[in-house]
N, C-alpha and C. Protein backbone atom coordinates (compact mmCIF):
# COMPACT_ATOMS: atom_id res chain seq x y z
N MET A 1 25.23 -26.76 -9.26
CA MET A 1 24.73 -26.97 -10.53
C MET A 1 25.20 -28.03 -11.28
N ALA A 2 26.13 -28.52 -10.61
CA ALA A 2 27.08 -29.74 -11.36
C ALA A 2 25.94 -30.87 -11.68
N GLY A 3 26.04 -31.39 -12.85
CA GLY A 3 25.23 -32.39 -13.22
C GLY A 3 24.07 -32.04 -14.00
N VAL A 4 23.83 -30.74 -14.00
CA VAL A 4 22.54 -30.34 -14.73
C VAL A 4 22.84 -30.20 -16.33
N ASN A 5 22.12 -30.75 -17.07
CA ASN A 5 22.35 -30.75 -18.57
C ASN A 5 21.59 -29.71 -19.08
N ILE A 6 22.20 -28.68 -19.38
CA ILE A 6 21.66 -27.56 -20.21
C ILE A 6 20.72 -27.81 -21.46
N SER A 7 21.38 -28.77 -22.33
CA SER A 7 20.50 -29.13 -23.50
C SER A 7 19.12 -29.57 -22.93
N LEU A 8 19.21 -30.38 -22.10
CA LEU A 8 17.82 -31.07 -21.72
C LEU A 8 16.96 -29.93 -21.06
N ILE A 9 17.42 -29.12 -20.47
CA ILE A 9 16.45 -28.22 -20.07
C ILE A 9 15.93 -27.41 -21.17
N LEU A 10 16.76 -26.92 -21.99
CA LEU A 10 16.16 -26.14 -23.28
C LEU A 10 15.24 -26.87 -24.08
N GLN A 11 15.47 -28.27 -24.38
CA GLN A 11 14.69 -29.01 -24.92
C GLN A 11 13.38 -29.18 -24.26
N TRP A 12 13.13 -29.24 -23.04
CA TRP A 12 11.87 -29.20 -22.25
C TRP A 12 11.27 -27.80 -22.46
N LEU A 13 12.15 -26.78 -22.31
CA LEU A 13 11.38 -25.55 -22.44
C LEU A 13 10.79 -25.25 -23.74
N VAL A 14 11.46 -25.66 -25.04
CA VAL A 14 10.88 -25.64 -26.20
C VAL A 14 9.72 -26.22 -26.51
N LEU A 15 9.71 -27.62 -25.78
CA LEU A 15 8.45 -28.50 -25.90
C LEU A 15 7.37 -27.80 -25.20
N ALA A 16 7.53 -27.17 -23.93
CA ALA A 16 6.56 -26.25 -23.34
C ALA A 16 6.17 -25.21 -24.03
N ALA A 17 6.94 -24.50 -24.74
CA ALA A 17 6.64 -23.41 -25.69
C ALA A 17 5.74 -23.82 -26.64
N VAL A 18 6.01 -24.86 -27.28
CA VAL A 18 5.08 -25.44 -28.41
C VAL A 18 3.81 -25.74 -27.91
N ILE A 19 3.79 -26.50 -26.70
CA ILE A 19 2.46 -26.95 -26.33
C ILE A 19 1.49 -25.74 -25.94
N LEU A 20 2.28 -24.87 -25.38
CA LEU A 20 1.50 -23.61 -24.88
C LEU A 20 1.12 -22.83 -26.11
N ALA A 21 2.07 -22.75 -27.22
CA ALA A 21 1.44 -21.92 -28.37
C ALA A 21 0.31 -22.69 -29.13
N VAL A 22 0.25 -24.07 -29.10
CA VAL A 22 -0.93 -24.90 -29.42
C VAL A 22 -2.21 -24.48 -28.55
N VAL A 23 -2.13 -24.48 -27.27
CA VAL A 23 -3.07 -24.24 -26.52
C VAL A 23 -3.62 -22.85 -26.49
N GLY A 24 -2.60 -22.03 -26.88
CA GLY A 24 -2.90 -20.44 -26.89
C GLY A 24 -3.80 -20.29 -28.47
N PHE A 25 -3.45 -21.12 -29.32
CA PHE A 25 -3.98 -20.88 -30.53
C PHE A 25 -5.65 -21.39 -30.53
N VAL A 26 -5.75 -22.43 -29.74
CA VAL A 26 -7.18 -22.97 -29.48
C VAL A 26 -7.87 -22.01 -28.72
N LEU A 27 -7.30 -21.49 -27.49
CA LEU A 27 -7.89 -20.61 -26.80
C LEU A 27 -8.20 -19.15 -27.61
N GLY A 28 -7.33 -18.92 -28.21
CA GLY A 28 -7.39 -17.74 -29.23
C GLY A 28 -8.57 -17.69 -29.99
N LYS A 29 -8.79 -18.81 -30.79
CA LYS A 29 -9.91 -19.06 -31.62
C LYS A 29 -11.32 -18.84 -30.94
N ARG A 30 -11.13 -19.24 -29.67
CA ARG A 30 -12.55 -19.35 -28.92
C ARG A 30 -12.76 -18.04 -28.31
N LYS A 31 -11.65 -17.15 -27.76
CA LYS A 31 -11.91 -16.43 -26.82
C LYS A 31 -11.36 -14.89 -27.29
N THR A 32 -10.72 -14.69 -28.39
CA THR A 32 -10.19 -13.49 -29.01
C THR A 32 -10.41 -13.66 -30.61
N GLY A 33 -10.13 -12.32 -31.10
CA GLY A 33 -10.34 -12.24 -32.56
C GLY A 33 -8.99 -12.63 -33.23
N LYS A 34 -8.02 -12.70 -32.36
CA LYS A 34 -6.52 -12.80 -33.22
C LYS A 34 -5.85 -14.01 -32.52
N PRO A 35 -6.16 -15.54 -33.03
CA PRO A 35 -5.71 -16.55 -32.46
C PRO A 35 -4.04 -16.66 -32.73
N VAL A 36 -3.59 -16.16 -33.83
CA VAL A 36 -2.05 -16.21 -34.10
C VAL A 36 -1.36 -15.44 -33.16
N LEU A 37 -1.88 -14.35 -32.90
CA LEU A 37 -1.12 -13.27 -31.97
C LEU A 37 -1.23 -13.87 -30.41
N THR A 38 -2.30 -14.51 -30.14
CA THR A 38 -2.54 -15.26 -28.82
C THR A 38 -1.52 -16.21 -28.68
N ALA A 39 -1.32 -16.99 -29.70
CA ALA A 39 -0.30 -18.40 -29.76
C ALA A 39 0.86 -17.88 -29.63
N LEU A 40 1.26 -16.92 -30.38
CA LEU A 40 2.68 -16.47 -30.31
C LEU A 40 2.93 -15.75 -29.02
N SER A 41 2.07 -15.03 -28.40
CA SER A 41 2.36 -14.43 -27.00
C SER A 41 2.54 -15.46 -25.93
N LEU A 42 1.51 -16.49 -26.03
CA LEU A 42 1.58 -17.54 -24.99
C LEU A 42 2.93 -18.44 -25.13
N GLY A 43 3.26 -18.57 -26.32
CA GLY A 43 4.49 -19.35 -26.54
C GLY A 43 5.76 -18.73 -26.13
N ILE A 44 5.72 -17.54 -26.35
CA ILE A 44 6.92 -16.72 -26.05
C ILE A 44 6.99 -16.59 -24.51
N SER A 45 5.67 -16.45 -23.81
CA SER A 45 5.64 -16.23 -22.34
C SER A 45 6.11 -17.66 -21.61
N ALA A 46 6.36 -18.65 -22.29
CA ALA A 46 6.72 -19.95 -21.81
C ALA A 46 8.06 -19.80 -21.04
N PHE A 47 8.74 -18.97 -21.69
CA PHE A 47 10.25 -18.73 -21.26
C PHE A 47 10.23 -17.94 -19.82
N VAL A 48 9.03 -17.46 -19.43
CA VAL A 48 8.96 -16.73 -18.10
C VAL A 48 7.67 -17.46 -17.46
N PRO A 49 7.95 -18.63 -16.73
CA PRO A 49 6.57 -19.51 -16.42
C PRO A 49 5.61 -18.85 -15.69
N ILE A 50 5.80 -17.81 -14.66
CA ILE A 50 4.89 -17.14 -13.86
C ILE A 50 3.98 -16.44 -14.80
N VAL A 51 4.59 -15.68 -15.84
CA VAL A 51 3.99 -14.84 -16.88
C VAL A 51 3.04 -16.00 -17.73
N ALA A 52 3.47 -17.18 -17.96
CA ALA A 52 2.59 -18.05 -18.81
C ALA A 52 1.47 -18.54 -17.91
N VAL A 53 1.65 -18.78 -16.77
CA VAL A 53 0.63 -19.47 -16.13
C VAL A 53 -0.42 -18.25 -15.73
N VAL A 54 -0.21 -16.79 -15.36
CA VAL A 54 -1.07 -15.82 -15.34
C VAL A 54 -1.74 -15.70 -16.59
N TYR A 55 -1.10 -15.66 -17.63
CA TYR A 55 -1.80 -15.27 -18.91
C TYR A 55 -2.76 -16.57 -19.31
N LEU A 56 -2.22 -17.71 -19.00
CA LEU A 56 -3.09 -18.93 -19.33
C LEU A 56 -4.50 -18.78 -18.44
N ILE A 57 -4.14 -18.64 -16.99
CA ILE A 57 -5.46 -18.28 -16.32
C ILE A 57 -6.43 -17.14 -16.77
N PHE A 58 -5.86 -16.22 -17.23
CA PHE A 58 -6.51 -14.90 -17.80
C PHE A 58 -7.40 -15.46 -19.16
N LEU A 59 -6.87 -16.18 -20.08
CA LEU A 59 -7.34 -16.77 -21.17
C LEU A 59 -8.56 -17.67 -20.79
N LEU A 60 -8.30 -18.46 -19.88
CA LEU A 60 -9.33 -19.44 -19.47
C LEU A 60 -10.56 -18.87 -18.74
N ASN A 61 -10.42 -17.64 -17.99
CA ASN A 61 -11.41 -17.05 -17.32
C ASN A 61 -12.08 -16.04 -18.27
N LYS A 62 -11.65 -15.81 -19.45
CA LYS A 62 -12.08 -14.80 -20.44
C LYS A 62 -13.34 -15.41 -20.97
N PRO A 63 -14.54 -14.70 -21.23
CA PRO A 63 -15.72 -15.27 -21.77
C PRO A 63 -15.49 -15.53 -23.44
N ASP A 64 -16.15 -16.50 -23.96
CA ASP A 64 -16.14 -16.96 -25.31
C ASP A 64 -16.58 -15.72 -26.18
N ILE A 65 -16.24 -15.64 -27.36
CA ILE A 65 -16.57 -14.40 -28.34
C ILE A 65 -18.15 -14.79 -28.76
N ASN A 66 -18.18 -16.30 -29.34
CA ASN A 66 -19.61 -16.70 -29.56
C ASN A 66 -19.84 -17.92 -28.75
N PRO A 67 -20.64 -17.66 -27.68
CA PRO A 67 -20.92 -18.62 -26.78
C PRO A 67 -21.76 -19.53 -27.52
N ALA A 68 -21.43 -21.00 -27.24
CA ALA A 68 -22.53 -22.17 -27.93
C ALA A 68 -23.87 -22.13 -27.11
N GLY A 69 -24.80 -22.30 -27.98
CA GLY A 69 -26.09 -22.26 -27.48
C GLY A 69 -26.84 -20.85 -27.31
């Protein structure tokens, strides 16, 4: 692990958490009744990548609350 910059890894991880939180908020508005809770849980799950991927797939496959049309 020589030469691995921990600061850079943490910056990327925080960036990924912010992006996932925004995606979680958008999906939460469309698919759940609690977008803030969805955004928070998806943002926190970014620190465990496999959980974030599974949760994101679950949200993408969940039907919309108010389908358009």
